[in-house]
Amino acid sequence: MFLYNCPLLTLSILTSLTIVLSTIYIAFIVYSFVIKKWALFIVTTTITTLLVFLVQVFAVTIHANDIPFVNFFKQLHISIYIVLISLSLIGVIAIIIYLQFYNKKHITSNSIIQAFNTSKDGFLYFEEDGSCLLINKKMEEIASSITKTYILNGYDFLKLIKDKIITLDNGSVYKFIDKVIKVSRKPYFFRKAELSNVYELIALDVTELVEQNRQLELDNKKLKQLNNELIQYNKKMLEVICHREILETKQNIHNEMNELVLQSAYLLDKDDQKEKAKILSKWENNAYLLSKEGKQQNGEEYIQDLLLLADTIGIKIVCDDYSQIFNSGDIDSLFIHASKESLTNIAKHTKAKRLIIEIEKNNGKTIMRFINENNENTEAIKMGGGLTNLCKHVEQLNGKMLIENKESFILTIEVPDAV
């Protein structure tokens, strides 16, 4: 079937379809020119020209006009025109698919506008007189929530929220940052190129950061409370250890007193004044220690008791200055504990008769050294029950303990003043 033999309805449908396709291709011509895809521009221009020509052929055929140039195309089979229109329709689909992939993989003006308007942060650009140049949807929402109206003057809005963190009604929190941008104005007509100031205002969404800071503050409070409870627990543990040591000491004193009773009864009928003086001295020491149980002692009394204990076991304590110690109850207790443990080690493991104590303050820390004088028969002192308990005591006060066991036994304790 040739074109001039086609029914008018078929020709009308083909003409309408060709006009629609021509309109679509004209839109493609404009878009390809905007995105500067010249190959697409040439293809769409060529196809559009062909379609416009087909419209003219169909119009001439419908109205039975006799145009020599068009008459040749009237003699062609109708299937040729259907194939051309079908290929044009397939081309439309192909170009649409191509543009979809192109827009996803390339930055275009449309993608920039879309990203600008879908950003979770607000952007506003305005001139020195306050007239707005560019604003995205998020900034419009923020301004509407703050001022209950749209932004009419950018400079007035900047003065309202400058360097502030504002919480909106919906709970979102925004921090506003502004800066001045130097923009080169392009010349037009009789106006020369010039530099002008454009103000940029950014509203940063800091809702998540504020929530994290709030949660961090709550966690810090809980941690501080837990730390205080732990400190109280450590102090109670020290008191329990101290009470246990006192109980053990009292038991030892009571056992010794039983022995003294037997020895005293035995010496009543004897005339050995030397032994009687020893027994009497032991009675006095035990009575003195028992009398201290219920008394609240100060620093000087602690020192006196320590010196008396050392004198009782025949050891002399050498220390230049005790005053640096007795300013904190925790450090006082640690000093007495370490001094007694050092005296015990001297009595058990060495034949030395002097304990040298050095005390110094340095960078907010108290440093105590307990030195056993060198002795040829000095035995190696190992970490046992007493030194292990002392080490735990030091660790509870966030301190460090060091033992040197070479020529002399040196016990060094370093503990912060603010315990």
Protein backbone atom coordinates (compact mmCIF):
# COMPACT_ATOMS: atom_id res chain seq x y z
CA MET A 1 0.00 0.00 0.00
CA PHE A 2 1.44 3.31 -1.11
CA LEU A 3 1.09 6.51 0.85
CA TYR A 4 -1.44 8.16 -1.52
CA ASN A 5 -3.68 5.04 -1.15
CA CYS A 6 -3.73 5.20 2.71
CA PRO A 7 -7.01 5.96 4.47
CA LEU A 8 -7.28 9.48 5.89
CA LEU A 9 -7.56 8.11 9.47
CA THR A 10 -4.20 6.34 9.16
CA LEU A 11 -2.57 9.44 7.74
CA SER A 12 -4.07 11.59 10.51
CA ILE A 13 -2.76 9.23 13.21
CA LEU A 14 0.71 9.15 11.63
CA THR A 15 0.71 12.94 11.33
CA SER A 16 -0.28 13.45 14.99
CA LEU A 17 2.30 10.94 16.16
CA THR A 18 4.99 12.61 14.06
CA ILE A 19 4.10 16.04 15.48
CA VAL A 20 4.31 14.71 19.06
CA LEU A 21 7.69 13.10 18.37
CA SER A 22 8.93 16.32 16.75
CA THR A 23 7.94 18.30 19.87
CA ILE A 24 9.80 15.83 22.13
CA TYR A 25 12.91 15.98 19.95
CA ILE A 26 12.82 19.80 19.98
CA ALA A 27 12.93 19.59 23.81
CA PHE A 28 15.93 17.24 23.50
CA ILE A 29 17.64 19.76 21.21
CA VAL A 30 17.28 22.50 23.83
CA TYR A 31 18.41 20.25 26.73
CA SER A 32 21.45 18.89 24.83
CA PHE A 33 22.46 22.47 24.06
CA VAL A 34 22.20 23.40 27.77
CA ILE A 35 24.34 20.48 28.94
CA LYS A 36 26.67 20.98 25.96
CA LYS A 37 26.36 17.44 24.58
CA TRP A 38 27.00 18.29 20.94
CA ALA A 39 26.73 14.74 19.59
CA LEU A 40 23.25 14.44 21.09
CA PHE A 41 22.44 17.92 19.75
CA ILE A 42 23.34 16.92 16.15
CA VAL A 43 21.41 13.61 16.33
CA THR A 44 18.25 15.18 17.75
CA THR A 45 18.42 18.05 15.26
CA THR A 46 18.72 15.61 12.35
CA ILE A 47 15.83 13.43 13.55
CA THR A 48 13.67 16.50 14.22
CA THR A 49 14.32 17.75 10.66
CA LEU A 50 13.29 14.34 9.28
CA LEU A 51 10.10 14.30 11.38
CA VAL A 52 9.14 17.84 10.33
CA PHE A 53 9.62 16.77 6.71
CA LEU A 54 7.39 13.74 7.27
CA VAL A 55 4.71 16.01 8.70
CA GLN A 56 4.84 18.05 5.53
CA VAL A 57 4.60 14.88 3.40
CA PHE A 58 1.56 13.62 5.33
CA ALA A 59 -0.10 17.05 5.17
CA VAL A 60 0.39 17.30 1.42
CA THR A 61 -0.93 13.76 0.98
CA ILE A 62 -4.05 14.41 3.10
CA HIS A 63 -4.94 17.55 1.18
CA ALA A 64 -4.05 15.94 -2.17
CA ASN A 65 -1.72 18.75 -3.13
CA ASP A 66 0.49 18.24 -6.14
CA ILE A 67 4.11 19.14 -5.27
CA PRO A 68 6.66 17.53 -7.59
CA PHE A 69 9.33 17.04 -4.89
CA VAL A 70 6.86 15.49 -2.45
CA ASN A 71 5.15 13.35 -5.08
CA PHE A 72 8.16 11.02 -5.08
CA PHE A 73 7.66 10.27 -1.37
CA LYS A 74 3.96 9.59 -1.97
CA GLN A 75 4.97 6.63 -4.11
CA LEU A 76 6.83 4.98 -1.19
CA HIS A 77 5.21 2.12 0.71
CA ILE A 78 3.46 3.02 3.96
CA SER A 79 5.63 0.54 5.87
CA ILE A 80 8.70 2.74 5.25
CA TYR A 81 7.06 5.64 7.09
CA ILE A 82 5.89 3.38 9.90
CA VAL A 83 9.46 2.08 10.29
CA LEU A 84 10.86 5.65 10.36
CA ILE A 85 8.32 6.75 12.97
CA SER A 86 8.97 3.57 15.02
CA LEU A 87 12.72 4.19 14.92
CA SER A 88 12.10 7.79 16.05
CA LEU A 89 9.97 6.49 18.94
CA ILE A 90 12.69 4.00 19.92
CA GLY A 91 15.19 6.87 19.69
CA VAL A 92 13.09 8.87 22.19
CA ILE A 93 13.17 5.97 24.66
CA ALA A 94 16.92 5.47 24.12
CA ILE A 95 17.67 9.16 24.66
CA ILE A 96 15.57 9.23 27.86
CA ILE A 97 17.45 6.19 29.23
CA TYR A 98 20.76 7.74 28.21
CA LEU A 99 19.92 11.04 29.93
CA GLN A 100 18.89 9.18 33.11
CA PHE A 101 22.30 7.48 33.30
CA TYR A 102 24.06 10.68 32.34
CA ASN A 103 22.39 12.69 35.10
CA LYS A 104 23.30 10.04 37.66
CA LYS A 105 26.98 9.99 36.71
CA HIS A 106 27.56 13.66 35.88
CA ILE A 107 27.15 16.93 37.73
CA THR A 108 24.66 19.06 35.87
CA SER A 109 22.88 22.28 36.73
CA ASN A 110 19.78 20.25 37.52
CA SER A 111 21.67 17.93 39.89
CA ILE A 112 23.25 20.94 41.61
CA ILE A 113 19.85 22.53 42.19
CA GLN A 114 18.43 19.21 43.41
CA ALA A 115 21.30 18.69 45.87
CA PHE A 116 21.05 22.31 47.00
CA ASN A 117 17.35 21.98 47.82
CA THR A 118 17.55 18.51 49.41
CA SER A 119 20.47 19.34 51.74
CA LYS A 120 19.79 18.92 55.47
CA ASP A 121 21.72 22.17 56.03
CA GLY A 122 20.37 25.61 55.18
CA PHE A 123 22.08 27.99 52.73
CA LEU A 124 21.45 31.67 52.07
CA TYR A 125 23.34 34.10 49.85
CA PHE A 126 22.53 37.81 49.84
CA GLU A 127 24.06 41.15 48.90
CA GLU A 128 25.16 43.98 51.16
CA ASP A 129 21.77 45.66 50.99
CA GLY A 130 20.12 42.41 52.20
CA SER A 131 18.51 41.40 48.90
CA CYS A 132 18.52 37.59 48.63
CA LEU A 133 20.35 36.02 45.72
CA LEU A 134 19.92 32.33 46.49
CA ILE A 135 18.20 30.36 49.23
CA ASN A 136 17.41 26.65 49.58
CA LYS A 137 14.28 25.03 50.95
CA LYS A 138 15.83 24.06 54.30
CA MET A 139 16.81 27.67 55.06
CA GLU A 140 13.29 28.77 54.19
CA GLU A 141 11.90 26.20 56.67
CA ILE A 142 14.34 27.34 59.39
CA ALA A 143 13.57 31.03 58.85
CA SER A 144 9.84 30.32 58.86
CA SER A 145 10.17 28.45 62.17
CA ILE A 146 12.23 31.25 63.80
CA THR A 147 10.57 34.41 62.47
CA LYS A 148 7.17 32.92 61.48
CA THR A 149 7.61 34.52 58.07
CA TYR A 150 9.81 34.26 54.96
CA ILE A 151 13.21 35.91 54.67
CA LEU A 152 12.68 39.36 53.20
CA ASN A 153 16.07 40.83 54.07
CA GLY A 154 19.08 38.56 54.48
CA TYR A 155 21.08 41.09 56.50
CA ASP A 156 18.27 41.49 59.07
CA PHE A 157 18.00 37.73 59.42
CA LEU A 158 21.78 37.48 59.88
CA LYS A 159 21.71 40.00 62.76
CA LEU A 160 18.94 37.97 64.40
CA ILE A 161 20.80 34.64 64.49
CA LYS A 162 24.51 35.55 64.15
CA ASP A 163 26.86 33.18 66.10
CA LYS A 164 23.92 31.46 67.78
CA ILE A 165 22.80 27.88 68.27
CA ILE A 166 19.00 27.78 67.93
CA THR A 167 16.60 24.94 68.74
CA LEU A 168 13.50 24.84 66.56
CA ASP A 169 10.00 23.79 67.60
CA ASN A 170 10.48 20.31 66.13
CA GLY A 171 13.58 19.72 68.29
CA SER A 172 16.17 20.23 65.54
CA VAL A 173 19.25 22.22 66.56
CA TYR A 174 21.12 24.48 64.11
CA LYS A 175 24.38 26.39 64.38
CA PHE A 176 24.73 29.43 62.12
CA ILE A 177 27.99 30.37 60.41
CA ASP A 178 28.48 33.33 58.08
CA LYS A 179 31.28 34.65 55.89
CA VAL A 180 31.84 37.22 53.16
CA ILE A 181 32.69 36.08 49.61
CA LYS A 182 34.32 38.33 47.03
CA VAL A 183 32.48 37.90 43.71
CA SER A 184 33.63 39.24 40.35
CA ARG A 185 30.70 40.81 38.49
CA LYS A 186 30.77 40.26 34.74
CA PRO A 187 30.47 43.40 32.59
CA TYR A 188 27.23 44.05 30.72
CA PHE A 189 26.07 47.01 28.66
CA PHE A 190 28.04 50.01 29.98
CA ARG A 191 28.83 48.47 33.38
CA LYS A 192 32.46 47.52 34.05
CA ALA A 193 33.66 44.35 35.74
CA GLU A 194 33.98 44.82 39.49
CA LEU A 195 34.37 42.95 42.77
CA SER A 196 31.45 42.97 45.20
CA ASN A 197 30.67 41.35 48.54
CA VAL A 198 28.21 38.48 48.78
CA TYR A 199 27.28 37.19 52.24
CA GLU A 200 27.02 33.44 52.79
CA LEU A 201 24.96 32.15 55.72
CA ILE A 202 24.98 28.42 56.53
CA ALA A 203 22.73 26.70 59.08
CA LEU A 204 24.50 23.50 60.19
CA ASP A 205 22.36 20.69 61.57
CA VAL A 206 24.02 19.81 64.91
CA THR A 207 21.05 17.97 66.44
CA GLU A 208 22.90 14.66 66.64
CA LEU A 209 26.04 16.29 68.05
CA VAL A 210 24.06 18.10 70.77
CA GLU A 211 22.29 14.86 71.69
CA GLN A 212 25.61 13.02 71.88
CA ASN A 213 27.07 15.76 74.12
CA ARG A 214 24.01 15.57 76.37
CA GLN A 215 24.37 11.80 76.62
CA LEU A 216 28.10 12.18 77.29
CA GLU A 217 27.37 14.56 80.18
CA LEU A 218 24.94 12.04 81.68
CA ASP A 219 27.51 9.26 81.30
CA ASN A 220 30.18 11.46 82.94
CA LYS A 221 27.87 12.14 85.89
CA LYS A 222 27.20 8.42 86.29
CA LEU A 223 30.91 7.68 86.00
CA LYS A 224 31.74 10.36 88.59
CA GLN A 225 29.16 8.93 90.96
CA LEU A 226 30.51 5.43 90.42
CA ASN A 227 34.06 6.71 91.01
CA ASN A 228 33.00 8.35 94.28
CA GLU A 229 31.35 5.11 95.37
CA LEU A 230 34.51 3.22 94.49
CA ILE A 231 36.63 5.67 96.52
CA GLN A 232 34.32 5.20 99.50
CA TYR A 233 34.51 1.44 99.03
CA ASN A 234 38.33 1.57 98.98
CA LYS A 235 38.35 3.65 102.16
CA LYS A 236 36.07 1.15 103.85
CA MET A 237 38.33 -1.66 102.69
CA LEU A 238 41.31 0.15 104.22
CA GLU A 239 39.37 0.50 107.46
CA VAL A 240 38.53 -3.21 107.41
CA ILE A 241 42.18 -4.09 106.80
CA CYS A 242 43.23 -1.72 109.58
CA HIS A 243 40.70 -3.20 112.00
CA ARG A 244 41.85 -6.70 111.10
CA GLU A 245 45.47 -5.76 111.72
CA ILE A 246 44.48 -4.17 115.04
CA LEU A 247 42.63 -7.34 115.99
CA GLU A 248 45.63 -9.48 115.09
CA THR A 249 47.88 -7.16 117.09
CA LYS A 250 45.55 -7.35 120.08
CA GLN A 251 45.53 -11.13 119.85
CA ASN A 252 49.33 -11.15 119.78
CA ILE A 253 49.40 -8.79 122.77
CA HIS A 254 46.97 -10.97 124.67
CA ASN A 255 49.03 -14.08 123.91
CA GLU A 256 52.15 -12.24 125.03
CA MET A 257 50.38 -11.09 128.19
CA ASN A 258 49.52 -14.71 129.00
CA GLU A 259 53.18 -15.55 128.68
CA LEU A 260 54.07 -12.50 130.82
CA VAL A 261 51.68 -13.70 133.54
CA LEU A 262 53.39 -17.06 133.65
CA GLN A 263 56.84 -15.48 133.57
CA SER A 264 55.89 -12.96 136.25
CA ALA A 265 54.53 -15.72 138.48
CA TYR A 266 57.73 -17.68 137.98
CA LEU A 267 59.97 -14.67 138.80
CA LEU A 268 58.09 -13.70 141.99
CA ASP A 269 60.12 -16.18 144.01
CA LYS A 270 63.35 -15.38 142.18
CA ASP A 271 65.76 -12.60 142.90
CA ASP A 272 66.75 -11.85 139.31
CA GLN A 273 66.34 -8.06 139.01
CA LYS A 274 67.51 -8.01 135.42
CA GLU A 275 64.80 -10.41 134.22
CA LYS A 276 62.21 -8.64 136.34
CA ALA A 277 63.10 -5.32 134.64
CA LYS A 278 62.63 -6.91 131.20
CA ILE A 279 59.25 -8.34 132.20
CA LEU A 280 58.17 -4.98 133.62
CA SER A 281 59.21 -3.19 130.42
CA LYS A 282 57.11 -5.60 128.34
CA TRP A 283 54.10 -5.01 130.64
CA GLU A 284 54.50 -1.26 130.15
CA ASN A 285 54.70 -1.51 126.35
CA ASN A 286 51.62 -3.74 126.11
CA ALA A 287 49.65 -1.49 128.43
CA TYR A 288 50.68 1.55 126.36
CA LEU A 289 49.58 -0.06 123.07
CA LEU A 290 46.23 -1.13 124.53
CA SER A 291 45.60 2.34 125.93
CA LYS A 292 45.92 3.85 122.41
CA GLU A 293 43.01 1.87 120.99
CA GLY A 294 40.23 4.33 121.88
CA LYS A 295 42.14 7.61 121.40
CA GLN A 296 42.02 9.88 118.33
CA GLN A 297 45.64 10.62 117.46
CA ASN A 298 47.26 13.46 115.58
CA GLY A 299 50.42 13.45 113.45
CA GLU A 300 52.84 13.92 116.35
CA GLU A 301 51.24 11.09 118.31
CA TYR A 302 51.53 8.81 115.26
CA ILE A 303 55.24 9.60 115.07
CA GLN A 304 55.72 9.02 118.78
CA ASP A 305 54.01 5.63 118.55
CA LEU A 306 56.13 4.72 115.53
CA LEU A 307 59.33 5.74 117.34
CA LEU A 308 58.26 3.78 120.41
CA LEU A 309 57.59 0.70 118.29
CA ALA A 310 61.00 1.05 116.63
CA ASP A 311 62.69 1.54 120.01
CA THR A 312 60.94 -1.51 121.40
CA ILE A 313 62.40 -3.77 118.70
CA GLY A 314 65.78 -2.00 118.93
CA ILE A 315 65.73 -0.06 115.62
CA LYS A 316 66.41 3.67 115.19
CA ILE A 317 64.40 5.70 112.67
CA VAL A 318 66.25 8.52 110.89
CA CYS A 319 64.02 11.11 109.20
CA ASP A 320 64.75 14.82 108.62
CA ASP A 321 61.18 16.14 108.32
CA TYR A 322 57.86 14.46 109.13
CA SER A 323 55.78 17.61 108.58
CA GLN A 324 55.41 16.98 104.82
CA ILE A 325 53.42 13.83 105.50
CA PHE A 326 50.64 14.64 107.94
CA ASN A 327 48.37 16.75 105.75
CA SER A 328 46.10 14.05 104.33
CA GLY A 329 44.46 11.20 106.20
CA ASP A 330 45.00 8.74 103.35
CA ILE A 331 48.69 9.56 102.96
CA ASP A 332 49.17 9.51 106.76
CA SER A 333 47.73 6.00 106.89
CA LEU A 334 49.93 4.89 103.98
CA PHE A 335 53.06 6.33 105.64
CA ILE A 336 52.38 4.51 108.94
CA HIS A 337 51.60 1.29 107.05
CA ALA A 338 54.84 1.49 105.02
CA SER A 339 56.92 2.43 108.10
CA LYS A 340 55.62 -0.53 110.11
CA GLU A 341 56.18 -2.90 107.18
CA SER A 342 59.76 -1.59 106.79
CA LEU A 343 60.44 -2.09 110.51
CA THR A 344 59.06 -5.62 110.25
CA ASN A 345 61.31 -6.44 107.29
CA ILE A 346 64.37 -5.08 109.12
CA ALA A 347 63.61 -7.17 112.20
CA LYS A 348 62.96 -10.34 110.18
CA HIS A 349 65.53 -10.26 107.42
CA THR A 350 68.47 -8.07 108.47
CA LYS A 351 70.66 -7.23 111.43
CA ALA A 352 70.57 -3.52 110.62
CA LYS A 353 69.64 -1.17 113.45
CA ARG A 354 68.58 1.90 111.46
CA LEU A 355 65.72 2.73 109.10
CA ILE A 356 66.31 5.83 106.95
CA ILE A 357 63.15 7.61 105.74
CA GLU A 358 63.34 10.25 103.00
CA ILE A 359 60.29 12.38 102.14
CA GLU A 360 59.94 14.87 99.29
CA LYS A 361 57.25 16.74 97.35
CA ASN A 362 57.47 16.99 93.55
CA ASN A 363 54.88 18.06 90.94
CA GLY A 364 51.89 17.44 93.17
CA LYS A 365 53.17 14.08 94.36
CA THR A 366 54.54 12.78 97.66
CA ILE A 367 57.57 10.50 97.37
CA MET A 368 58.61 8.35 100.36
CA ARG A 369 61.74 6.18 100.49
CA PHE A 370 62.39 3.61 103.25
CA ILE A 371 66.03 2.48 103.22
CA ASN A 372 67.41 -0.43 105.23
CA GLU A 373 71.10 0.18 105.98
CA ASN A 374 73.53 -2.11 104.25
CA ASN A 375 74.47 -5.19 106.22
CA GLU A 376 76.67 -8.12 105.28
CA ASN A 377 74.12 -10.62 106.50
CA THR A 378 71.19 -8.99 104.74
CA GLU A 379 68.79 -11.55 103.29
CA ALA A 380 66.90 -10.98 100.03
CA ILE A 381 63.46 -9.61 100.86
CA LYS A 382 60.71 -11.00 98.63
CA MET A 383 57.14 -9.91 98.00
CA GLY A 384 55.11 -11.58 100.72
CA GLY A 385 51.85 -10.96 102.49
CA GLY A 386 52.92 -7.69 104.14
CA LEU A 387 54.44 -6.08 101.03
CA THR A 388 51.55 -7.35 98.87
CA ASN A 389 49.00 -5.68 101.17
CA LEU A 390 51.09 -2.51 101.13
CA CYS A 391 51.18 -2.58 97.31
CA LYS A 392 47.37 -2.87 97.21
CA HIS A 393 47.15 0.06 99.62
CA VAL A 394 49.35 2.15 97.30
CA GLU A 395 47.34 1.19 94.21
CA GLN A 396 44.09 2.17 95.93
CA LEU A 397 45.53 5.68 96.27
CA ASN A 398 46.54 5.74 92.56
CA GLY A 399 50.21 5.49 93.50
CA LYS A 400 53.21 3.39 92.49
CA MET A 401 55.53 1.22 94.58
CA LEU A 402 59.09 0.20 93.65
CA ILE A 403 61.37 -2.27 95.45
CA GLU A 404 65.16 -2.27 95.02
CA ASN A 405 66.86 -5.25 96.61
CA LYS A 406 70.55 -4.96 95.68
CA GLU A 407 73.15 -3.74 98.16
CA SER A 408 70.44 -2.30 100.37
CA PHE A 409 66.70 -2.78 100.52
CA ILE A 410 64.96 0.41 99.29
CA LEU A 411 61.19 0.75 99.29
CA THR A 412 60.00 3.74 97.19
CA ILE A 413 56.36 4.89 97.19
CA GLU A 414 55.00 7.67 94.97
CA VAL A 415 51.43 8.84 95.50
CA PRO A 416 49.52 11.95 94.27
CA ASP A 417 48.69 14.55 96.92
CA ALA A 418 45.05 14.87 95.75
CA VAL A 419 43.79 11.42 96.65
